[in-house]
Amino acid sequence: MRLDTLIDSFANESVGNYRWGIYIVKIDVQGFELDVLRGLMISLREKRVLYILLEFWPSGMRKNARVDAADVLSLLHSFGYALFDTRVLSTPIQGDGGFGKMLPTAATFPRPVGFRQVVDWYNTTSVEHKSQFGYWTDVVAVASGALDLNMY
């Protein structure tokens, strides 16, 4: 079932003056985020979803789903969503006794803002720091007009 179909099933629901809508969608599907977003295209175009929180893992998108992570960012942007990178996370680095440690946020670097450059930065940083699974972050996408609460 496409997510748009599920959202449509609630579209005519209302309580008083409140028209039912989706406040937030969380997407964490190990690299297949573009597939989920394609199932939401009508809802994205009509701004039925206020916020989208998704795991942004370029190497997983490339390896698992065989898609370019820049396409995920471009799709959201094309529907008027503002995109925010929450922070950079890495996989544990193996240390003594098998215990790992996370690369602290303070140790990250300024990241570029262009979609292609952001994806390339994550992929390059993963290689430079020998991250087994690659660097990732959470991206928050905010619908244009999100502060117009009458819309939701």
N, C-alpha and C. Protein backbone atom coordinates (compact mmCIF):
# COMPACT_ATOMS: atom_id res chain seq x y z
N MET A 1 0.85 -1.17 0.00
CA MET A 1 0.00 0.00 0.00
C MET A 1 0.90 1.24 0.00
N ARG A 2 0.60 2.17 -0.86
CA ARG A 2 1.32 3.44 -0.90
C ARG A 2 0.90 4.28 0.31
N LEU A 3 1.83 5.04 0.86
CA LEU A 3 1.50 5.90 1.99
C LEU A 3 0.45 6.93 1.61
N ASP A 4 0.47 7.41 0.36
CA ASP A 4 -0.54 8.35 -0.08
C ASP A 4 -1.95 7.76 0.05
N THR A 5 -2.09 6.47 -0.23
CA THR A 5 -3.38 5.80 -0.11
C THR A 5 -3.85 5.80 1.33
N LEU A 6 -2.95 5.52 2.25
CA LEU A 6 -3.30 5.53 3.67
C LEU A 6 -3.69 6.94 4.12
N ILE A 7 -2.93 7.92 3.72
CA ILE A 7 -3.23 9.31 4.08
C ILE A 7 -4.57 9.73 3.50
N ASP A 8 -4.84 9.33 2.25
CA ASP A 8 -6.14 9.65 1.62
C ASP A 8 -7.31 9.07 2.40
N SER A 9 -7.11 7.92 3.02
CA SER A 9 -8.21 7.30 3.76
C SER A 9 -8.63 8.14 4.97
N PHE A 10 -7.74 9.02 5.42
CA PHE A 10 -8.04 9.89 6.55
C PHE A 10 -8.37 11.33 6.13
N ALA A 11 -8.20 11.63 4.84
CA ALA A 11 -8.27 13.02 4.37
C ALA A 11 -9.59 13.71 4.68
N ASN A 12 -10.68 12.99 4.70
CA ASN A 12 -11.98 13.62 4.93
C ASN A 12 -12.41 13.64 6.39
N GLU A 13 -11.56 13.11 7.25
CA GLU A 13 -11.86 13.09 8.68
C GLU A 13 -11.66 14.49 9.27
N SER A 14 -12.54 14.88 10.17
CA SER A 14 -12.36 16.15 10.86
C SER A 14 -13.05 16.08 12.21
N VAL A 15 -12.57 16.89 13.11
CA VAL A 15 -13.16 17.03 14.44
C VAL A 15 -13.36 18.53 14.65
N GLY A 16 -14.58 18.97 14.67
CA GLY A 16 -14.84 20.41 14.76
C GLY A 16 -14.27 21.11 13.55
N ASN A 17 -13.45 22.14 13.77
CA ASN A 17 -12.82 22.87 12.68
C ASN A 17 -11.48 22.28 12.26
N TYR A 18 -11.04 21.24 12.96
CA TYR A 18 -9.73 20.65 12.68
C TYR A 18 -9.85 19.62 11.56
N ARG A 19 -9.14 19.86 10.47
CA ARG A 19 -9.06 18.89 9.38
C ARG A 19 -7.89 17.98 9.64
N TRP A 20 -8.13 16.70 9.58
CA TRP A 20 -7.09 15.72 9.88
C TRP A 20 -5.92 15.89 8.93
N GLY A 21 -4.71 15.79 9.46
CA GLY A 21 -3.51 15.83 8.63
C GLY A 21 -2.39 15.07 9.33
N ILE A 22 -1.29 14.95 8.66
CA ILE A 22 -0.13 14.25 9.21
C ILE A 22 0.84 15.30 9.74
N TYR A 23 1.19 15.20 10.99
CA TYR A 23 2.11 16.15 11.59
C TYR A 23 3.55 15.80 11.22
N ILE A 24 3.94 14.53 11.42
CA ILE A 24 5.32 14.12 11.15
C ILE A 24 5.34 12.69 10.62
N VAL A 25 6.26 12.46 9.70
CA VAL A 25 6.54 11.12 9.21
C VAL A 25 8.01 10.84 9.50
N LYS A 26 8.29 9.72 10.14
CA LYS A 26 9.67 9.30 10.44
C LYS A 26 10.01 8.16 9.48
N ILE A 27 11.10 8.33 8.75
CA ILE A 27 11.52 7.32 7.77
C ILE A 27 12.92 6.85 8.12
N ASP A 28 13.05 5.56 8.38
CA ASP A 28 14.35 4.94 8.65
C ASP A 28 14.28 3.53 8.08
N VAL A 29 14.64 3.41 6.82
CA VAL A 29 14.47 2.14 6.11
C VAL A 29 15.78 1.67 5.47
N GLN A 30 16.88 1.98 6.12
CA GLN A 30 18.20 1.49 5.76
C GLN A 30 18.58 1.71 4.31
N GLY A 31 18.35 2.91 3.82
CA GLY A 31 18.78 3.28 2.48
C GLY A 31 17.66 3.36 1.46
N PHE A 32 16.47 2.89 1.80
CA PHE A 32 15.35 2.87 0.85
C PHE A 32 14.41 4.06 1.04
N GLU A 33 14.93 5.16 1.58
CA GLU A 33 14.12 6.35 1.83
C GLU A 33 13.48 6.91 0.57
N LEU A 34 14.18 6.84 -0.56
CA LEU A 34 13.63 7.38 -1.80
C LEU A 34 12.36 6.62 -2.21
N ASP A 35 12.34 5.31 -2.01
CA ASP A 35 11.14 4.52 -2.32
C ASP A 35 9.95 4.97 -1.48
N VAL A 36 10.19 5.20 -0.19
CA VAL A 36 9.12 5.65 0.69
C VAL A 36 8.62 7.03 0.26
N LEU A 37 9.54 7.93 -0.05
CA LEU A 37 9.15 9.27 -0.48
C LEU A 37 8.36 9.23 -1.79
N ARG A 38 8.72 8.32 -2.67
CA ARG A 38 7.96 8.19 -3.93
C ARG A 38 6.52 7.75 -3.65
N GLY A 39 6.33 6.99 -2.58
CA GLY A 39 4.98 6.60 -2.17
C GLY A 39 4.21 7.71 -1.49
N LEU A 40 4.88 8.81 -1.23
CA LEU A 40 4.28 9.98 -0.57
C LEU A 40 4.17 11.19 -1.50
N MET A 41 4.40 11.01 -2.76
CA MET A 41 4.54 12.17 -3.66
C MET A 41 3.30 13.06 -3.68
N ILE A 42 2.11 12.50 -3.67
CA ILE A 42 0.89 13.33 -3.67
C ILE A 42 0.83 14.13 -2.37
N SER A 43 1.10 13.47 -1.26
CA SER A 43 1.08 14.15 0.04
C SER A 43 2.16 15.22 0.13
N LEU A 44 3.32 14.97 -0.47
CA LEU A 44 4.38 15.98 -0.48
C LEU A 44 3.96 17.19 -1.32
N ARG A 45 3.42 16.92 -2.49
CA ARG A 45 3.01 18.02 -3.38
C ARG A 45 1.93 18.88 -2.73
N GLU A 46 0.99 18.23 -2.01
CA GLU A 46 -0.12 18.96 -1.38
C GLU A 46 0.19 19.41 0.04
N LYS A 47 1.42 19.21 0.48
CA LYS A 47 1.88 19.61 1.82
C LYS A 47 0.98 19.02 2.92
N ARG A 48 0.60 17.76 2.77
CA ARG A 48 -0.21 17.09 3.79
C ARG A 48 0.63 16.66 4.98
N VAL A 49 1.94 16.66 4.82
CA VAL A 49 2.86 16.27 5.90
C VAL A 49 3.67 17.51 6.29
N LEU A 50 3.59 17.88 7.55
CA LEU A 50 4.27 19.08 8.03
C LEU A 50 5.78 18.87 8.14
N TYR A 51 6.18 17.79 8.80
CA TYR A 51 7.61 17.49 9.00
C TYR A 51 7.90 16.07 8.54
N ILE A 52 9.09 15.90 7.99
CA ILE A 52 9.60 14.57 7.67
C ILE A 52 10.95 14.45 8.34
N LEU A 53 11.11 13.43 9.14
CA LEU A 53 12.39 13.14 9.78
C LEU A 53 12.90 11.86 9.14
N LEU A 54 14.06 11.93 8.50
CA LEU A 54 14.56 10.72 7.87
C LEU A 54 16.03 10.53 8.13
N GLU A 55 16.40 9.26 8.22
CA GLU A 55 17.81 8.93 8.34
C GLU A 55 18.44 9.18 6.98
N PHE A 56 19.51 9.94 6.98
CA PHE A 56 20.22 10.25 5.74
C PHE A 56 21.55 9.54 5.78
N TRP A 57 21.63 8.44 5.04
CA TRP A 57 22.79 7.56 5.06
C TRP A 57 23.23 7.30 3.62
N PRO A 58 24.02 8.21 3.05
CA PRO A 58 24.39 8.09 1.64
C PRO A 58 24.99 6.75 1.23
N SER A 59 25.89 6.20 2.04
CA SER A 59 26.51 4.93 1.63
C SER A 59 25.49 3.79 1.66
N GLY A 60 24.56 3.83 2.60
CA GLY A 60 23.50 2.81 2.63
C GLY A 60 22.54 2.94 1.46
N MET A 61 22.25 4.18 1.08
CA MET A 61 21.38 4.40 -0.08
C MET A 61 22.04 3.86 -1.34
N ARG A 62 23.34 4.10 -1.45
CA ARG A 62 24.08 3.62 -2.62
C ARG A 62 24.20 2.10 -2.62
N LYS A 63 24.59 1.52 -1.48
CA LYS A 63 24.82 0.07 -1.41
C LYS A 63 23.52 -0.74 -1.39
N ASN A 64 22.56 -0.34 -0.56
CA ASN A 64 21.35 -1.14 -0.37
C ASN A 64 20.30 -0.91 -1.44
N ALA A 65 20.04 0.35 -1.77
CA ALA A 65 18.95 0.66 -2.70
C ALA A 65 19.46 1.06 -4.09
N ARG A 66 20.77 1.22 -4.21
CA ARG A 66 21.38 1.62 -5.47
C ARG A 66 20.81 2.94 -6.02
N VAL A 67 20.67 3.90 -5.10
CA VAL A 67 20.22 5.23 -5.48
C VAL A 67 21.22 6.26 -5.01
N ASP A 68 21.18 7.40 -5.63
CA ASP A 68 22.03 8.52 -5.26
C ASP A 68 21.32 9.31 -4.16
N ALA A 69 21.97 9.48 -3.04
CA ALA A 69 21.37 10.17 -1.90
C ALA A 69 20.98 11.60 -2.25
N ALA A 70 21.65 12.21 -3.22
CA ALA A 70 21.29 13.56 -3.64
C ALA A 70 19.86 13.59 -4.20
N ASP A 71 19.41 12.47 -4.77
CA ASP A 71 18.04 12.41 -5.30
C ASP A 71 16.99 12.52 -4.19
N VAL A 72 17.32 12.00 -3.01
CA VAL A 72 16.40 12.11 -1.87
C VAL A 72 16.24 13.58 -1.48
N LEU A 73 17.37 14.27 -1.35
CA LEU A 73 17.33 15.69 -0.98
C LEU A 73 16.64 16.52 -2.07
N SER A 74 16.95 16.23 -3.30
CA SER A 74 16.35 16.97 -4.42
C SER A 74 14.85 16.79 -4.49
N LEU A 75 14.38 15.58 -4.24
CA LEU A 75 12.94 15.31 -4.28
C LEU A 75 12.22 16.14 -3.22
N LEU A 76 12.71 16.11 -2.00
CA LEU A 76 12.08 16.90 -0.93
C LEU A 76 12.12 18.39 -1.25
N HIS A 77 13.24 18.85 -1.72
CA HIS A 77 13.39 20.27 -2.07
C HIS A 77 12.45 20.66 -3.21
N SER A 78 12.26 19.76 -4.16
CA SER A 78 11.40 20.07 -5.31
C SER A 78 9.94 20.29 -4.90
N PHE A 79 9.55 19.74 -3.75
CA PHE A 79 8.19 19.94 -3.25
C PHE A 79 8.12 21.07 -2.22
N GLY A 80 9.20 21.85 -2.11
CA GLY A 80 9.19 23.03 -1.26
C GLY A 80 9.51 22.79 0.19
N TYR A 81 10.14 21.68 0.51
CA TYR A 81 10.53 21.41 1.89
C TYR A 81 11.92 22.00 2.15
N ALA A 82 12.07 22.69 3.29
CA ALA A 82 13.37 23.17 3.74
C ALA A 82 14.06 22.02 4.46
N LEU A 83 15.34 21.83 4.24
CA LEU A 83 16.06 20.67 4.77
C LEU A 83 17.09 21.10 5.80
N PHE A 84 17.13 20.35 6.90
CA PHE A 84 18.07 20.63 7.99
C PHE A 84 18.78 19.35 8.40
N ASP A 85 20.11 19.43 8.47
CA ASP A 85 20.95 18.32 8.91
C ASP A 85 21.07 18.45 10.43
N THR A 86 20.65 17.42 11.17
CA THR A 86 20.65 17.54 12.63
C THR A 86 22.06 17.46 13.21
N ARG A 87 22.82 16.47 12.81
CA ARG A 87 24.22 16.34 13.22
C ARG A 87 24.80 15.14 12.50
N VAL A 88 26.09 14.94 12.62
CA VAL A 88 26.75 13.82 11.95
C VAL A 88 26.95 12.71 12.96
N LEU A 89 26.57 11.52 12.59
CA LEU A 89 26.80 10.34 13.43
C LEU A 89 27.70 9.38 12.68
N SER A 90 28.48 8.64 13.40
CA SER A 90 29.28 7.61 12.76
C SER A 90 29.06 6.30 13.50
N THR A 91 29.48 5.24 12.89
CA THR A 91 29.40 3.95 13.55
C THR A 91 30.49 3.88 14.60
N PRO A 92 30.34 3.00 15.59
CA PRO A 92 31.38 2.87 16.60
C PRO A 92 32.73 2.50 15.98
N ILE A 93 33.77 3.09 16.51
CA ILE A 93 35.13 2.77 16.09
C ILE A 93 35.63 1.71 17.06
N GLN A 94 36.13 0.61 16.53
CA GLN A 94 36.57 -0.48 17.40
C GLN A 94 37.78 -0.06 18.22
N GLY A 95 37.70 -0.31 19.53
CA GLY A 95 38.80 0.03 20.43
C GLY A 95 39.22 -1.22 21.20
N ASP A 96 39.93 -1.03 22.27
CA ASP A 96 40.37 -2.15 23.09
C ASP A 96 39.18 -2.93 23.62
N GLY A 97 39.28 -4.23 23.61
CA GLY A 97 38.23 -5.08 24.17
C GLY A 97 36.95 -5.09 23.35
N GLY A 98 36.99 -4.59 22.14
CA GLY A 98 35.81 -4.61 21.29
C GLY A 98 34.83 -3.48 21.56
N PHE A 99 35.11 -2.64 22.55
CA PHE A 99 34.22 -1.53 22.82
C PHE A 99 34.49 -0.41 21.81
N GLY A 100 33.47 0.24 21.38
CA GLY A 100 33.63 1.31 20.41
C GLY A 100 33.38 2.65 21.04
N LYS A 101 33.68 3.68 20.30
CA LYS A 101 33.33 5.03 20.75
C LYS A 101 32.82 5.79 19.54
N MET A 102 31.90 6.68 19.78
CA MET A 102 31.34 7.47 18.70
C MET A 102 32.23 8.68 18.46
N LEU A 103 32.33 9.09 17.22
CA LEU A 103 33.02 10.33 16.91
C LEU A 103 32.14 11.46 17.44
N PRO A 104 32.64 12.26 18.38
CA PRO A 104 31.79 13.30 18.96
C PRO A 104 31.42 14.36 17.93
N THR A 105 30.25 14.96 18.12
CA THR A 105 29.77 15.99 17.22
C THR A 105 30.78 17.12 17.10
N ALA A 106 31.46 17.45 18.19
CA ALA A 106 32.44 18.54 18.18
C ALA A 106 33.60 18.23 17.23
N ALA A 107 33.80 16.94 16.92
CA ALA A 107 34.91 16.56 16.05
C ALA A 107 34.52 16.60 14.58
N THR A 108 33.29 16.95 14.28
CA THR A 108 32.88 17.00 12.88
C THR A 108 33.38 18.27 12.22
N PHE A 109 33.19 18.35 10.95
CA PHE A 109 33.72 19.45 10.16
C PHE A 109 32.58 20.25 9.57
N PRO A 110 32.84 21.49 9.17
CA PRO A 110 31.80 22.22 8.46
C PRO A 110 31.43 21.44 7.20
N ARG A 111 30.15 21.33 6.95
CA ARG A 111 29.69 20.57 5.80
C ARG A 111 29.18 21.52 4.72
N PRO A 112 29.31 21.13 3.47
CA PRO A 112 28.80 21.98 2.39
C PRO A 112 27.28 21.98 2.38
N VAL A 113 26.70 22.87 1.60
CA VAL A 113 25.25 22.97 1.58
C VAL A 113 24.62 22.50 0.28
N GLY A 114 25.38 22.36 -0.80
CA GLY A 114 24.82 21.84 -2.05
C GLY A 114 24.53 20.36 -1.92
N PHE A 115 23.44 19.89 -2.52
CA PHE A 115 23.04 18.48 -2.36
C PHE A 115 24.15 17.52 -2.79
N ARG A 116 24.70 17.72 -3.97
CA ARG A 116 25.76 16.83 -4.46
C ARG A 116 26.97 16.90 -3.54
N GLN A 117 27.33 18.11 -3.10
CA GLN A 117 28.50 18.29 -2.24
C GLN A 117 28.29 17.65 -0.88
N VAL A 118 27.05 17.70 -0.35
CA VAL A 118 26.77 17.08 0.95
C VAL A 118 26.96 15.57 0.85
N VAL A 119 26.40 14.96 -0.18
CA VAL A 119 26.53 13.51 -0.36
C VAL A 119 28.00 13.13 -0.51
N ASP A 120 28.73 13.86 -1.34
CA ASP A 120 30.15 13.57 -1.53
C ASP A 120 30.92 13.72 -0.23
N TRP A 121 30.57 14.74 0.59
CA TRP A 121 31.24 14.95 1.88
C TRP A 121 31.04 13.73 2.78
N TYR A 122 29.80 13.25 2.88
CA TYR A 122 29.54 12.08 3.73
C TYR A 122 30.32 10.87 3.24
N ASN A 123 30.33 10.64 1.95
CA ASN A 123 31.04 9.47 1.41
C ASN A 123 32.54 9.59 1.61
N THR A 124 33.11 10.77 1.37
CA THR A 124 34.54 10.98 1.55
C THR A 124 34.93 10.86 3.02
N THR A 125 34.14 11.45 3.91
CA THR A 125 34.43 11.41 5.34
C THR A 125 34.38 9.97 5.85
N SER A 126 33.45 9.19 5.35
CA SER A 126 33.36 7.78 5.75
C SER A 126 34.63 7.03 5.40
N VAL A 127 35.19 7.30 4.23
CA VAL A 127 36.43 6.64 3.80
C VAL A 127 37.62 7.14 4.62
N GLU A 128 37.71 8.46 4.78
CA GLU A 128 38.84 9.04 5.52
C GLU A 128 38.91 8.54 6.96
N HIS A 129 37.77 8.33 7.58
CA HIS A 129 37.74 7.91 8.98
C HIS A 129 37.50 6.42 9.13
N LYS A 130 37.58 5.70 8.01
CA LYS A 130 37.47 4.24 8.01
C LYS A 130 36.21 3.75 8.73
N SER A 131 35.11 4.41 8.44
CA SER A 131 33.83 4.01 9.03
C SER A 131 33.30 2.80 8.27
N GLN A 132 33.05 1.72 9.00
CA GLN A 132 32.63 0.47 8.37
C GLN A 132 31.31 0.61 7.60
N PHE A 133 30.35 1.34 8.15
CA PHE A 133 29.04 1.46 7.53
C PHE A 133 28.81 2.82 6.88
N GLY A 134 29.65 3.76 7.14
CA GLY A 134 29.49 5.10 6.58
C GLY A 134 28.85 6.05 7.57
N TYR A 135 29.07 7.31 7.34
CA TYR A 135 28.49 8.35 8.20
C TYR A 135 27.03 8.56 7.83
N TRP A 136 26.25 8.97 8.81
CA TRP A 136 24.85 9.28 8.57
C TRP A 136 24.41 10.39 9.50
N THR A 137 23.26 10.91 9.25
CA THR A 137 22.67 11.94 10.09
C THR A 137 21.16 11.80 9.97
N ASP A 138 20.45 12.57 10.74
CA ASP A 138 19.01 12.68 10.54
C ASP A 138 18.76 14.01 9.85
N VAL A 139 17.91 13.99 8.85
CA VAL A 139 17.52 15.20 8.15
C VAL A 139 16.07 15.50 8.51
N VAL A 140 15.81 16.76 8.84
CA VAL A 140 14.45 17.21 9.09
C VAL A 140 14.04 18.04 7.88
N ALA A 141 12.93 17.65 7.26
CA ALA A 141 12.37 18.40 6.14
C ALA A 141 11.11 19.08 6.65
N VAL A 142 11.01 20.39 6.44
CA VAL A 142 9.89 21.18 6.94
C VAL A 142 9.13 21.75 5.74
N ALA A 143 7.83 21.51 5.71
CA ALA A 143 6.99 21.98 4.61
C ALA A 143 6.95 23.50 4.60
N SER A 144 6.97 24.08 3.40
CA SER A 144 6.81 25.53 3.31
C SER A 144 5.42 25.87 3.84
N GLY A 145 5.32 26.96 4.56
CA GLY A 145 4.04 27.33 5.18
C GLY A 145 3.76 26.56 6.45
N ALA A 146 4.77 25.90 7.00
CA ALA A 146 4.56 25.04 8.18
C ALA A 146 4.07 25.82 9.39
N LEU A 147 4.33 27.09 9.42
CA LEU A 147 3.89 27.87 10.58
C LEU A 147 2.44 28.34 10.45
N ASP A 148 1.83 28.10 9.31
CA ASP A 148 0.41 28.42 9.13
C ASP A 148 -0.40 27.27 9.71
N LEU A 149 -0.69 27.33 10.99
CA LEU A 149 -1.34 26.21 11.69
C LEU A 149 -2.77 25.96 11.22
N ASN A 150 -3.39 26.92 10.56
CA ASN A 150 -4.72 26.68 10.01
C ASN A 150 -4.71 25.67 8.89
N MET A 151 -3.51 25.44 8.34
CA MET A 151 -3.35 24.51 7.24
C MET A 151 -3.50 23.07 7.72
N TYR A 152 -3.30 22.82 9.01
CA TYR A 152 -3.28 21.45 9.52
C TYR A 152 -4.38 21.20 10.47
